[in-house]
Amino acid sequence: MSALTAETILAAYRIGVFPMADDADDPDLYWVEPERRGIFPLDNFHVPKRLARTIRKMPFTVTVDKDFRRVMRECAEPRGDRDATWINKTILELYGELHDLGYAHSVECWLGDDLVGGLYGLAFESVFCGESMFTRATDASKVALVYLVARLIRGRFNLLDAQFMNPHLATFGAVEISRADYLLRLNKALQSEGDFYSLGDDVTGSEILQSITQTS
């Protein structure tokens, strides 16, 4: 993949394929097309009650695209449950280019001047493909996810791709679907245009929750 470009990556996502590396030190990438795909149905996203209380109090300042490359670097750092990462130098560079082109976005959570959590992903047509998230403070990445979903709902996105399913994502309503089902949803979402910047910067936590109806 020495000739891989940002445009090639974007074209791959549009057919349901994405790149990964074996670890941070591996210079090579490989294409992934999971047989089973995790997605968040945007009309059935679930916010746990405890997290909803946190969001109403809102201990964080939440921003969008304020420090995309730093979020990526934080996501690539080893953490307690993971010694290695699939985010290598090539991914950092190419997704940085995609951000400069207006396709890759980050959501950040701050405590004062400290970046304590966030996520990043790729947006095109009415699709958002979540790539990775990190947290250095309780609930920070979860808050970033809820803010992302509210933004996608407001912006009339049709598909939020989580790529791989896990129990943590299931608590927010994520489900696993077949490759064929994913491609059907993807192709439908490619027929309309979402607006990633439809949500204002001054929205409150309560307003965020009002736009996401599923809580328990």
N, C-alpha and C. Protein backbone atom coordinates (compact mmCIF):
# COMPACT_ATOMS: atom_id res chain seq x y z
N MET A 1 0.82 -1.21 0.00
CA MET A 1 0.00 0.00 0.00
C MET A 1 0.85 1.26 0.00
N SER A 2 2.04 1.21 -0.60
CA SER A 2 2.93 2.36 -0.58
C SER A 2 2.34 3.55 -1.31
N ALA A 3 1.44 3.31 -2.29
CA ALA A 3 0.86 4.40 -3.05
C ALA A 3 -0.51 4.80 -2.52
N LEU A 4 -0.84 4.35 -1.33
CA LEU A 4 -2.15 4.64 -0.76
C LEU A 4 -2.31 6.14 -0.54
N THR A 5 -3.46 6.68 -0.91
CA THR A 5 -3.74 8.11 -0.75
C THR A 5 -5.00 8.30 0.08
N ALA A 6 -5.21 9.52 0.54
CA ALA A 6 -6.43 9.85 1.27
C ALA A 6 -7.66 9.59 0.41
N GLU A 7 -7.57 9.92 -0.86
CA GLU A 7 -8.71 9.70 -1.77
C GLU A 7 -9.02 8.22 -1.93
N THR A 8 -7.99 7.37 -1.96
CA THR A 8 -8.21 5.93 -2.06
C THR A 8 -8.92 5.40 -0.82
N ILE A 9 -8.53 5.89 0.34
CA ILE A 9 -9.19 5.47 1.57
C ILE A 9 -10.66 5.85 1.55
N LEU A 10 -10.95 7.07 1.14
CA LEU A 10 -12.34 7.51 1.07
C LEU A 10 -13.15 6.66 0.11
N ALA A 11 -12.57 6.32 -1.04
CA ALA A 11 -13.26 5.46 -2.00
C ALA A 11 -13.51 4.08 -1.42
N ALA A 12 -12.57 3.56 -0.62
CA ALA A 12 -12.74 2.25 0.00
C ALA A 12 -13.89 2.26 0.99
N TYR A 13 -14.00 3.30 1.80
CA TYR A 13 -15.11 3.38 2.76
C TYR A 13 -16.45 3.36 2.05
N ARG A 14 -16.49 3.95 0.87
CA ARG A 14 -17.76 4.02 0.15
C ARG A 14 -18.19 2.66 -0.40
N ILE A 15 -17.30 1.66 -0.36
CA ILE A 15 -17.69 0.30 -0.74
C ILE A 15 -17.60 -0.65 0.46
N GLY A 16 -17.47 -0.08 1.65
CA GLY A 16 -17.54 -0.89 2.86
C GLY A 16 -16.23 -1.47 3.35
N VAL A 17 -15.10 -0.91 2.91
CA VAL A 17 -13.78 -1.44 3.25
C VAL A 17 -12.97 -0.35 3.95
N PHE A 18 -12.14 -0.73 4.91
CA PHE A 18 -11.30 0.26 5.59
C PHE A 18 -9.93 -0.35 5.90
N PRO A 19 -8.91 0.50 6.10
CA PRO A 19 -7.55 0.00 6.34
C PRO A 19 -7.22 -0.08 7.83
N MET A 20 -6.33 -1.01 8.18
CA MET A 20 -5.78 -1.12 9.52
C MET A 20 -4.32 -1.54 9.42
N ALA A 21 -3.58 -1.36 10.52
CA ALA A 21 -2.21 -1.87 10.63
C ALA A 21 -2.17 -2.92 11.73
N ASP A 22 -1.21 -3.82 11.68
CA ASP A 22 -1.07 -4.82 12.73
C ASP A 22 -0.67 -4.19 14.06
N ASP A 23 0.18 -3.17 13.99
CA ASP A 23 0.55 -2.43 15.20
C ASP A 23 1.16 -1.10 14.78
N ALA A 24 1.48 -0.26 15.77
CA ALA A 24 1.95 1.09 15.49
C ALA A 24 3.27 1.11 14.73
N ASP A 25 4.09 0.10 14.91
CA ASP A 25 5.42 0.08 14.27
C ASP A 25 5.43 -0.60 12.91
N ASP A 26 4.31 -1.21 12.53
CA ASP A 26 4.23 -1.86 11.23
C ASP A 26 3.96 -0.81 10.16
N PRO A 27 4.83 -0.67 9.18
CA PRO A 27 4.62 0.37 8.15
C PRO A 27 3.51 0.03 7.16
N ASP A 28 3.08 -1.23 7.14
CA ASP A 28 2.10 -1.66 6.15
C ASP A 28 0.67 -1.58 6.69
N LEU A 29 -0.27 -1.52 5.76
CA LEU A 29 -1.69 -1.55 6.07
C LEU A 29 -2.33 -2.70 5.32
N TYR A 30 -3.49 -3.13 5.79
CA TYR A 30 -4.26 -4.13 5.08
C TYR A 30 -5.73 -3.72 5.09
N TRP A 31 -6.46 -4.21 4.10
CA TRP A 31 -7.88 -3.86 3.97
C TRP A 31 -8.74 -4.79 4.81
N VAL A 32 -9.78 -4.24 5.42
CA VAL A 32 -10.68 -5.00 6.28
C VAL A 32 -12.11 -4.83 5.76
N GLU A 33 -12.81 -5.95 5.63
CA GLU A 33 -14.23 -5.93 5.27
C GLU A 33 -14.91 -6.99 6.13
N PRO A 34 -15.33 -6.62 7.35
CA PRO A 34 -15.84 -7.61 8.30
C PRO A 34 -17.09 -8.34 7.79
N GLU A 35 -17.16 -9.62 8.10
CA GLU A 35 -18.36 -10.37 7.77
C GLU A 35 -19.54 -9.92 8.62
N ARG A 36 -19.25 -9.52 9.86
CA ARG A 36 -20.26 -8.98 10.76
C ARG A 36 -19.84 -7.57 11.15
N ARG A 37 -20.76 -6.63 11.10
CA ARG A 37 -20.44 -5.21 11.28
C ARG A 37 -21.25 -4.62 12.44
N GLY A 38 -20.59 -3.85 13.28
CA GLY A 38 -21.28 -3.14 14.35
C GLY A 38 -21.75 -1.78 13.87
N ILE A 39 -23.01 -1.46 14.15
CA ILE A 39 -23.54 -0.13 13.81
C ILE A 39 -24.38 0.38 14.98
N PHE A 40 -24.56 1.70 15.03
CA PHE A 40 -25.49 2.32 15.96
C PHE A 40 -26.73 2.77 15.19
N PRO A 41 -27.88 2.15 15.39
CA PRO A 41 -29.10 2.68 14.78
C PRO A 41 -29.39 4.06 15.39
N LEU A 42 -29.36 5.10 14.60
CA LEU A 42 -29.50 6.45 15.14
C LEU A 42 -30.89 6.74 15.68
N ASP A 43 -31.87 5.95 15.28
CA ASP A 43 -33.22 6.15 15.81
C ASP A 43 -33.47 5.32 17.06
N ASN A 44 -32.43 4.63 17.54
CA ASN A 44 -32.60 3.80 18.73
C ASN A 44 -31.33 3.84 19.61
N PHE A 45 -30.65 4.98 19.59
CA PHE A 45 -29.45 5.13 20.41
C PHE A 45 -29.87 5.24 21.88
N HIS A 46 -29.11 4.59 22.73
CA HIS A 46 -29.48 4.48 24.14
C HIS A 46 -28.46 5.20 25.03
N VAL A 47 -28.95 6.09 25.90
CA VAL A 47 -28.09 6.79 26.86
C VAL A 47 -28.40 6.27 28.25
N PRO A 48 -27.50 5.55 28.91
CA PRO A 48 -27.75 5.07 30.27
C PRO A 48 -28.06 6.24 31.22
N LYS A 49 -28.90 5.98 32.21
CA LYS A 49 -29.36 7.05 33.10
C LYS A 49 -28.20 7.75 33.82
N ARG A 50 -27.23 6.97 34.28
CA ARG A 50 -26.13 7.59 35.01
C ARG A 50 -25.36 8.54 34.12
N LEU A 51 -25.13 8.14 32.87
CA LEU A 51 -24.44 9.00 31.93
C LEU A 51 -25.27 10.23 31.60
N ALA A 52 -26.59 10.06 31.50
CA ALA A 52 -27.47 11.20 31.24
C ALA A 52 -27.36 12.23 32.36
N ARG A 53 -27.25 11.79 33.60
CA ARG A 53 -27.09 12.73 34.71
C ARG A 53 -25.77 13.49 34.58
N THR A 54 -24.73 12.79 34.18
CA THR A 54 -23.43 13.45 33.97
C THR A 54 -23.54 14.51 32.88
N ILE A 55 -24.22 14.18 31.80
CA ILE A 55 -24.33 15.11 30.67
C ILE A 55 -25.14 16.34 31.07
N ARG A 56 -26.17 16.17 31.89
CA ARG A 56 -26.94 17.34 32.34
C ARG A 56 -26.09 18.27 33.18
N LYS A 57 -25.20 17.70 34.00
CA LYS A 57 -24.30 18.53 34.81
C LYS A 57 -23.15 19.07 33.97
N MET A 58 -22.74 18.33 32.99
CA MET A 58 -21.69 18.62 32.02
C MET A 58 -20.41 19.16 32.64
N PRO A 59 -19.57 18.25 33.13
CA PRO A 59 -18.29 18.67 33.69
C PRO A 59 -17.25 19.03 32.63
N PHE A 60 -17.52 18.69 31.37
CA PHE A 60 -16.54 18.91 30.30
C PHE A 60 -16.96 20.05 29.38
N THR A 61 -15.98 20.63 28.73
CA THR A 61 -16.22 21.48 27.56
C THR A 61 -16.06 20.59 26.34
N VAL A 62 -17.09 20.54 25.50
CA VAL A 62 -17.06 19.66 24.33
C VAL A 62 -16.85 20.51 23.08
N THR A 63 -15.89 20.11 22.27
CA THR A 63 -15.59 20.82 21.03
C THR A 63 -15.56 19.84 19.86
N VAL A 64 -15.57 20.38 18.68
CA VAL A 64 -15.50 19.59 17.45
C VAL A 64 -14.35 20.10 16.58
N ASP A 65 -13.49 19.18 16.17
CA ASP A 65 -12.39 19.51 15.25
C ASP A 65 -11.43 20.56 15.81
N LYS A 66 -11.34 20.67 17.12
CA LYS A 66 -10.42 21.64 17.70
C LYS A 66 -8.97 21.15 17.64
N ASP A 67 -8.77 19.84 17.83
CA ASP A 67 -7.41 19.30 17.80
C ASP A 67 -7.44 17.87 17.29
N PHE A 68 -7.80 17.73 16.01
CA PHE A 68 -8.01 16.42 15.41
C PHE A 68 -6.78 15.53 15.54
N ARG A 69 -5.63 16.04 15.18
CA ARG A 69 -4.43 15.19 15.17
C ARG A 69 -4.03 14.75 16.58
N ARG A 70 -4.27 15.59 17.55
CA ARG A 70 -3.97 15.20 18.93
C ARG A 70 -4.91 14.08 19.38
N VAL A 71 -6.18 14.17 19.00
CA VAL A 71 -7.11 13.09 19.34
C VAL A 71 -6.63 11.78 18.73
N MET A 72 -6.20 11.82 17.48
CA MET A 72 -5.69 10.61 16.84
C MET A 72 -4.48 10.05 17.60
N ARG A 73 -3.58 10.92 17.98
CA ARG A 73 -2.39 10.45 18.71
C ARG A 73 -2.77 9.84 20.05
N GLU A 74 -3.74 10.45 20.72
CA GLU A 74 -4.20 9.90 22.00
C GLU A 74 -4.84 8.52 21.79
N CYS A 75 -5.62 8.38 20.73
CA CYS A 75 -6.25 7.09 20.43
C CYS A 75 -5.22 6.02 20.13
N ALA A 76 -4.07 6.43 19.61
CA ALA A 76 -3.02 5.48 19.24
C ALA A 76 -2.16 5.07 20.43
N GLU A 77 -2.30 5.76 21.56
CA GLU A 77 -1.47 5.44 22.72
C GLU A 77 -1.91 4.10 23.34
N PRO A 78 -0.95 3.27 23.79
CA PRO A 78 -1.31 2.06 24.53
C PRO A 78 -2.06 2.42 25.80
N ARG A 79 -2.99 1.57 26.21
CA ARG A 79 -3.71 1.82 27.46
C ARG A 79 -3.89 0.50 28.20
N GLY A 80 -4.50 0.56 29.36
CA GLY A 80 -4.54 -0.58 30.26
C GLY A 80 -5.01 -1.87 29.65
N ASP A 81 -6.06 -1.81 28.82
CA ASP A 81 -6.63 -3.03 28.25
C ASP A 81 -6.06 -3.36 26.88
N ARG A 82 -5.04 -2.61 26.45
CA ARG A 82 -4.51 -2.81 25.10
C ARG A 82 -3.07 -2.33 25.04
N ASP A 83 -2.17 -3.26 24.72
CA ASP A 83 -0.76 -2.90 24.62
C ASP A 83 -0.39 -2.37 23.25
N ALA A 84 -1.09 -2.84 22.23
CA ALA A 84 -0.77 -2.46 20.86
C ALA A 84 -1.93 -1.67 20.26
N THR A 85 -1.68 -1.04 19.13
CA THR A 85 -2.70 -0.27 18.43
C THR A 85 -2.61 -0.55 16.94
N TRP A 86 -3.74 -0.39 16.25
CA TRP A 86 -3.74 -0.56 14.80
C TRP A 86 -3.49 0.77 14.09
N ILE A 87 -3.26 1.83 14.84
CA ILE A 87 -3.05 3.16 14.26
C ILE A 87 -1.55 3.40 14.11
N ASN A 88 -1.05 3.31 12.90
CA ASN A 88 0.37 3.52 12.67
C ASN A 88 0.61 4.90 12.05
N LYS A 89 1.86 5.18 11.71
CA LYS A 89 2.23 6.50 11.19
C LYS A 89 1.48 6.82 9.89
N THR A 90 1.32 5.82 9.03
CA THR A 90 0.62 6.04 7.76
C THR A 90 -0.82 6.44 7.99
N ILE A 91 -1.50 5.77 8.91
CA ILE A 91 -2.88 6.12 9.22
C ILE A 91 -2.95 7.53 9.80
N LEU A 92 -2.04 7.87 10.70
CA LEU A 92 -2.02 9.21 11.27
C LEU A 92 -1.89 10.27 10.17
N GLU A 93 -1.02 10.02 9.23
CA GLU A 93 -0.79 10.99 8.15
C GLU A 93 -1.98 11.09 7.21
N LEU A 94 -2.51 9.94 6.78
CA LEU A 94 -3.57 9.94 5.78
C LEU A 94 -4.89 10.47 6.33
N TYR A 95 -5.20 10.12 7.56
CA TYR A 95 -6.44 10.64 8.15
C TYR A 95 -6.30 12.11 8.50
N GLY A 96 -5.07 12.54 8.79
CA GLY A 96 -4.82 13.97 8.92
C GLY A 96 -5.12 14.70 7.62
N GLU A 97 -4.74 14.11 6.51
CA GLU A 97 -5.06 14.68 5.20
C GLU A 97 -6.57 14.70 4.98
N LEU A 98 -7.25 13.62 5.36
CA LEU A 98 -8.70 13.57 5.21
C LEU A 98 -9.38 14.64 6.06
N HIS A 99 -8.81 14.91 7.22
CA HIS A 99 -9.33 16.00 8.05
C HIS A 99 -9.16 17.34 7.34
N ASP A 100 -7.99 17.57 6.76
CA ASP A 100 -7.74 18.81 6.03
C ASP A 100 -8.68 18.96 4.84
N LEU A 101 -9.09 17.83 4.28
CA LEU A 101 -10.02 17.84 3.14
C LEU A 101 -11.48 17.97 3.57
N GLY A 102 -11.74 17.92 4.88
CA GLY A 102 -13.10 18.10 5.40
C GLY A 102 -13.87 16.81 5.62
N TYR A 103 -13.22 15.66 5.55
CA TYR A 103 -13.91 14.39 5.70
C TYR A 103 -13.74 13.74 7.09
N ALA A 104 -12.62 13.96 7.72
CA ALA A 104 -12.36 13.33 9.02
C ALA A 104 -12.58 14.36 10.13
N HIS A 105 -13.23 13.92 11.21
CA HIS A 105 -13.63 14.84 12.27
C HIS A 105 -13.32 14.25 13.64
N SER A 106 -13.17 15.13 14.60
CA SER A 106 -12.99 14.71 15.99
C SER A 106 -13.99 15.42 16.89
N VAL A 107 -14.33 14.76 17.99
CA VAL A 107 -15.09 15.37 19.08
C VAL A 107 -14.20 15.28 20.31
N GLU A 108 -14.00 16.41 20.99
CA GLU A 108 -13.08 16.45 22.13
C GLU A 108 -13.81 16.83 23.41
N CYS A 109 -13.36 16.28 24.53
CA CYS A 109 -13.82 16.67 25.85
C CYS A 109 -12.64 17.24 26.63
N TRP A 110 -12.85 18.42 27.23
CA TRP A 110 -11.79 19.13 27.92
C TRP A 110 -12.18 19.38 29.38
N LEU A 111 -11.20 19.31 30.26
CA LEU A 111 -11.31 19.83 31.61
C LEU A 111 -10.31 20.97 31.70
N GLY A 112 -10.82 22.19 31.64
CA GLY A 112 -9.91 23.32 31.54
C GLY A 112 -9.15 23.24 30.23
N ASP A 113 -7.82 23.27 30.32
CA ASP A 113 -6.99 23.18 29.12
C ASP A 113 -6.55 21.76 28.82
N ASP A 114 -7.02 20.80 29.61
CA ASP A 114 -6.59 19.41 29.45
C ASP A 114 -7.56 18.63 28.57
N LEU A 115 -7.04 18.01 27.53
CA LEU A 115 -7.84 17.12 26.69
C LEU A 115 -7.97 15.78 27.40
N VAL A 116 -9.17 15.43 27.83
CA VAL A 116 -9.36 14.24 28.67
C VAL A 116 -10.15 13.13 27.99
N GLY A 117 -10.60 13.35 26.78
CA GLY A 117 -11.33 12.30 26.07
C GLY A 117 -11.75 12.77 24.70
N GLY A 118 -12.08 11.82 23.86
CA GLY A 118 -12.54 12.18 22.53
C GLY A 118 -12.62 11.00 21.59
N LEU A 119 -13.00 11.28 20.38
CA LEU A 119 -13.12 10.26 19.34
C LEU A 119 -12.88 10.91 17.99
N TYR A 120 -12.65 10.07 16.99
CA TYR A 120 -12.54 10.59 15.63
C TYR A 120 -13.13 9.58 14.66
N GLY A 121 -13.46 10.07 13.48
CA GLY A 121 -14.02 9.20 12.45
C GLY A 121 -14.11 9.93 11.13
N LEU A 122 -14.72 9.26 10.18
CA LEU A 122 -14.78 9.74 8.80
C LEU A 122 -16.23 9.97 8.41
N ALA A 123 -16.51 11.15 7.85
CA ALA A 123 -17.87 11.49 7.42
C ALA A 123 -17.91 11.71 5.91
N PHE A 124 -18.90 11.11 5.26
CA PHE A 124 -19.11 11.31 3.83
C PHE A 124 -20.56 11.00 3.52
N GLU A 125 -21.15 11.77 2.57
CA GLU A 125 -22.58 11.69 2.32
C GLU A 125 -23.32 11.71 3.68
N SER A 126 -24.18 10.73 3.97
CA SER A 126 -24.85 10.72 5.28
C SER A 126 -24.36 9.53 6.12
N VAL A 127 -23.05 9.25 6.01
CA VAL A 127 -22.40 8.16 6.73
C VAL A 127 -21.34 8.74 7.66
N PHE A 128 -21.27 8.20 8.87
CA PHE A 128 -20.13 8.49 9.75
C PHE A 128 -19.56 7.16 10.19
N CYS A 129 -18.27 6.96 9.93
CA CYS A 129 -17.57 5.74 10.34
C CYS A 129 -16.69 6.07 11.54
N GLY A 130 -17.08 5.60 12.71
CA GLY A 130 -16.29 5.84 13.90
C GLY A 130 -15.03 4.99 13.86
N GLU A 131 -13.89 5.60 14.19
CA GLU A 131 -12.62 4.91 14.11
C GLU A 131 -12.08 4.50 15.48
N SER A 132 -11.97 5.45 16.39
CA SER A 132 -11.39 5.12 17.69
C SER A 132 -11.78 6.21 18.68
N MET A 133 -11.66 5.89 19.98
CA MET A 133 -11.91 6.86 21.03
C MET A 133 -10.94 6.62 22.17
N PHE A 134 -10.79 7.61 23.03
CA PHE A 134 -9.92 7.46 24.20
C PHE A 134 -10.52 8.24 25.36
N THR A 135 -10.11 7.91 26.56
CA THR A 135 -10.55 8.66 27.74
C THR A 135 -9.45 8.70 28.78
N ARG A 136 -9.33 9.85 29.41
CA ARG A 136 -8.43 10.03 30.55
C ARG A 136 -9.18 10.54 31.77
N ALA A 137 -10.49 10.62 31.66
CA ALA A 137 -11.35 11.02 32.77
C ALA A 137 -12.65 10.23 32.65
N THR A 138 -13.25 9.91 33.77
CA THR A 138 -14.46 9.10 33.78
C THR A 138 -15.52 9.69 32.86
N ASP A 139 -16.03 8.86 31.97
CA ASP A 139 -17.15 9.17 31.07
C ASP A 139 -16.79 10.12 29.91
N ALA A 140 -15.55 10.55 29.80
CA ALA A 140 -15.23 11.55 28.77
C ALA A 140 -15.49 11.03 27.36
N SER A 141 -15.04 9.82 27.05
CA SER A 141 -15.28 9.29 25.70
C SER A 141 -16.76 9.00 25.47
N LYS A 142 -17.46 8.61 26.53
CA LYS A 142 -18.90 8.35 26.41
C LYS A 142 -19.66 9.63 26.10
N VAL A 143 -19.28 10.71 26.77
CA VAL A 143 -19.90 12.00 26.49
C VAL A 143 -19.62 12.42 25.05
N ALA A 144 -18.40 12.21 24.58
CA ALA A 144 -18.08 12.55 23.20
C ALA A 144 -18.95 11.76 22.23
N LEU A 145 -19.19 10.48 22.53
CA LEU A 145 -20.04 9.66 21.67
C LEU A 145 -21.46 10.18 21.63
N VAL A 146 -22.02 10.54 22.77
CA VAL A 146 -23.38 11.05 22.82
C VAL A 146 -23.49 12.36 22.04
N TYR A 147 -22.50 13.23 22.19
CA TYR A 147 -22.50 14.49 21.43
C TYR A 147 -22.39 14.22 19.94
N LEU A 148 -21.60 13.23 19.56
CA LEU A 148 -21.50 12.87 18.15
C LEU A 148 -22.85 12.42 17.61
N VAL A 149 -23.53 11.55 18.34
CA VAL A 149 -24.82 11.03 17.88
C VAL A 149 -25.83 12.16 17.73
N ALA A 150 -25.88 13.07 18.71
CA ALA A 150 -26.80 14.21 18.60
C ALA A 150 -26.50 15.04 17.36
N ARG A 151 -25.22 15.21 17.06
CA ARG A 151 -24.81 15.96 15.88
C ARG A 151 -25.24 15.25 14.59
N LEU A 152 -25.08 13.93 14.56
CA LEU A 152 -25.46 13.18 13.37
C LEU A 152 -26.97 13.17 13.17
N ILE A 153 -27.71 13.07 14.27
CA ILE A 153 -29.18 13.11 14.16
C ILE A 153 -29.62 14.47 13.63
N ARG A 154 -29.08 15.53 14.22
CA ARG A 154 -29.44 16.87 13.76
C ARG A 154 -29.05 17.08 12.29
N GLY A 155 -27.93 16.51 11.90
CA GLY A 155 -27.44 16.69 10.54
C GLY A 155 -28.01 15.73 9.52
N ARG A 156 -29.01 14.92 9.93
CA ARG A 156 -29.70 13.99 9.03
C ARG A 156 -28.77 12.93 8.43
N PHE A 157 -27.85 12.44 9.26
CA PHE A 157 -27.07 11.27 8.85
C PHE A 157 -27.92 10.02 8.97
N ASN A 158 -27.62 9.02 8.17
CA ASN A 158 -28.41 7.80 8.15
C ASN A 158 -27.67 6.57 8.67
N LEU A 159 -26.34 6.65 8.78
CA LEU A 159 -25.58 5.47 9.19
C LEU A 159 -24.41 5.88 10.06
N LEU A 160 -24.33 5.26 11.25
CA LEU A 160 -23.18 5.41 12.13
C LEU A 160 -22.54 4.03 12.26
N ASP A 161 -21.40 3.89 11.63
CA ASP A 161 -20.68 2.62 11.55
C ASP A 161 -19.71 2.53 12.73
N ALA A 162 -19.83 1.46 13.53
CA ALA A 162 -18.91 1.22 14.65
C ALA A 162 -17.86 0.18 14.29
N GLN A 163 -17.96 -0.38 13.09
CA GLN A 163 -17.01 -1.36 12.56
C GLN A 163 -17.09 -2.70 13.30
N PHE A 164 -16.55 -2.77 14.53
CA PHE A 164 -16.54 -4.03 15.27
C PHE A 164 -17.39 -3.91 16.53
N MET A 165 -18.19 -4.91 16.78
CA MET A 165 -19.09 -4.92 17.93
C MET A 165 -18.35 -5.34 19.18
N ASN A 166 -18.74 -4.74 20.33
CA ASN A 166 -18.24 -5.21 21.62
C ASN A 166 -19.27 -4.89 22.69
N PRO A 167 -19.18 -5.49 23.88
CA PRO A 167 -20.19 -5.27 24.93
C PRO A 167 -20.35 -3.82 25.33
N HIS A 168 -19.27 -3.05 25.32
CA HIS A 168 -19.36 -1.64 25.69
C HIS A 168 -20.28 -0.89 24.73
N LEU A 169 -20.11 -1.10 23.42
CA LEU A 169 -20.95 -0.42 22.44
C LEU A 169 -22.40 -0.87 22.54
N ALA A 170 -22.62 -2.12 22.92
CA ALA A 170 -23.98 -2.64 23.04
C ALA A 170 -24.78 -1.88 24.09
N THR A 171 -24.12 -1.35 25.13
CA THR A 171 -24.84 -0.60 26.16
C THR A 171 -25.45 0.68 25.61
N PHE A 172 -24.97 1.12 24.46
CA PHE A 172 -25.51 2.33 23.82
C PHE A 172 -26.49 1.99 22.68
N GLY A 173 -26.79 0.72 22.53
CA GLY A 173 -27.75 0.31 21.51
C GLY A 173 -27.13 -0.17 20.22
N ALA A 174 -25.82 -0.33 20.18
CA ALA A 174 -25.19 -0.84 18.96
C ALA A 174 -25.63 -2.28 18.70
N VAL A 175 -25.74 -2.63 17.45
CA VAL A 175 -26.14 -3.97 17.05
C VAL A 175 -25.16 -4.48 15.99
N GLU A 176 -25.14 -5.79 15.82
CA GLU A 176 -24.29 -6.40 14.82
C GLU A 176 -25.13 -6.88 13.65
N ILE A 177 -24.71 -6.55 12.45
CA ILE A 177 -25.46 -6.94 11.26
C ILE A 177 -24.52 -7.63 10.28
N SER A 178 -25.09 -8.27 9.29
CA SER A 178 -24.29 -8.98 8.29
C SER A 178 -23.65 -7.99 7.33
N ARG A 179 -22.64 -8.45 6.62
CA ARG A 179 -21.99 -7.63 5.60
C ARG A 179 -23.00 -7.19 4.55
N ALA A 180 -23.86 -8.11 4.12
CA ALA A 180 -24.85 -7.78 3.09
C ALA A 180 -25.80 -6.69 3.58
N ASP A 181 -26.26 -6.80 4.83
CA ASP A 181 -27.15 -5.79 5.39
C ASP A 181 -26.43 -4.45 5.50
N TYR A 182 -25.17 -4.49 5.92
CA TYR A 182 -24.40 -3.25 6.02
C TYR A 182 -24.29 -2.56 4.66
N LEU A 183 -23.99 -3.32 3.63
CA LEU A 183 -23.82 -2.73 2.31
C LEU A 183 -25.13 -2.11 1.80
N LEU A 184 -26.25 -2.74 2.12
CA LEU A 184 -27.54 -2.16 1.76
C LEU A 184 -27.74 -0.81 2.45
N ARG A 185 -27.45 -0.77 3.76
CA ARG A 185 -27.59 0.48 4.51
C ARG A 185 -26.60 1.54 4.02
N LEU A 186 -25.38 1.10 3.73
CA LEU A 186 -24.37 2.02 3.23
C LEU A 186 -24.80 2.64 1.91
N ASN A 187 -25.24 1.81 0.99
CA ASN A 187 -25.63 2.32 -0.33
C ASN A 187 -26.82 3.29 -0.22
N LYS A 188 -27.73 3.01 0.69
CA LYS A 188 -28.86 3.93 0.90
C LYS A 188 -28.35 5.25 1.46
N ALA A 189 -27.43 5.19 2.44
CA ALA A 189 -26.91 6.41 3.06
C ALA A 189 -26.08 7.24 2.09
N LEU A 190 -25.54 6.61 1.06
CA LEU A 190 -24.76 7.34 0.06
C LEU A 190 -25.64 8.17 -0.87
N GLN A 191 -26.94 7.98 -0.78
CA GLN A 191 -27.86 8.70 -1.66
C GLN A 191 -28.30 10.05 -1.08
N SER A 192 -27.88 10.37 0.13
CA SER A 192 -28.27 11.65 0.74
C SER A 192 -27.05 12.30 1.39
N GLU A 193 -27.19 13.58 1.69
CA GLU A 193 -26.06 14.36 2.21
C GLU A 193 -26.35 14.82 3.63
N GLY A 194 -25.50 14.43 4.57
CA GLY A 194 -25.61 14.91 5.94
C GLY A 194 -24.83 16.19 6.14
N ASP A 195 -25.17 16.91 7.20
CA ASP A 195 -24.48 18.15 7.55
C ASP A 195 -23.82 17.98 8.91
N PHE A 196 -22.52 17.75 8.93
CA PHE A 196 -21.83 17.48 10.19
C PHE A 196 -21.81 18.71 11.10
N TYR A 197 -21.96 19.89 10.54
CA TYR A 197 -21.86 21.12 11.34
C TYR A 197 -23.23 21.74 11.63
N SER A 198 -24.28 20.95 11.60
CA SER A 198 -25.62 21.48 11.81
C SER A 198 -25.89 21.81 13.28
N LEU A 199 -25.10 21.25 14.19
CA LEU A 199 -25.30 21.47 15.62
C LEU A 199 -24.42 22.62 16.09
N GLY A 200 -25.01 23.57 16.79
CA GLY A 200 -24.26 24.73 17.25
C GLY A 200 -23.26 24.39 18.35
N ASP A 201 -22.32 25.29 18.59
CA ASP A 201 -21.29 25.07 19.59
C ASP A 201 -21.79 25.34 21.01
N ASP A 202 -22.88 26.08 21.16
CA ASP A 202 -23.35 26.48 22.48
C ASP A 202 -24.50 25.61 23.01
N VAL A 203 -24.70 24.44 22.42
CA VAL A 203 -25.80 23.58 22.83
C VAL A 203 -25.53 23.03 24.23
N THR A 204 -26.57 22.93 25.05
CA THR A 204 -26.42 22.45 26.42
C THR A 204 -26.55 20.93 26.49
N GLY A 205 -26.13 20.37 27.62
CA GLY A 205 -26.27 18.93 27.82
C GLY A 205 -27.71 18.49 27.76
N SER A 206 -28.62 19.27 28.35
CA SER A 206 -30.04 18.91 28.33
C SER A 206 -30.58 18.90 26.91
N GLU A 207 -30.15 19.86 26.10
CA GLU A 207 -30.59 19.90 24.71
C GLU A 207 -30.05 18.71 23.92
N ILE A 208 -28.82 18.31 24.24
CA ILE A 208 -28.25 17.13 23.61
C ILE A 208 -29.12 15.91 23.90
N LEU A 209 -29.48 15.74 25.16
CA LEU A 209 -30.29 14.57 25.55
C LEU A 209 -31.68 14.62 24.95
N GLN A 210 -32.25 15.80 24.81
CA GLN A 210 -33.58 15.92 24.23
C GLN A 210 -33.61 15.44 22.78
N SER A 211 -32.48 15.54 22.12
CA SER A 211 -32.43 15.10 20.72
C SER A 211 -32.21 13.60 20.58
N ILE A 212 -31.92 12.95 21.72
CA ILE A 212 -31.73 11.50 21.74
C ILE A 212 -32.72 10.93 22.74
N THR A 213 -33.75 10.29 22.28
CA THR A 213 -34.89 9.97 23.12
C THR A 213 -34.73 8.73 23.98
N GLN A 214 -33.81 7.83 23.61
CA GLN A 214 -33.73 6.54 24.30
C GLN A 214 -32.84 6.63 25.54
N THR A 215 -33.43 6.61 26.73
CA THR A 215 -32.67 6.56 27.99
C THR A 215 -33.28 5.52 28.89
N SER A 216 -32.46 4.95 29.78
CA SER A 216 -33.00 3.99 30.75
C SER A 216 -32.03 3.85 31.91
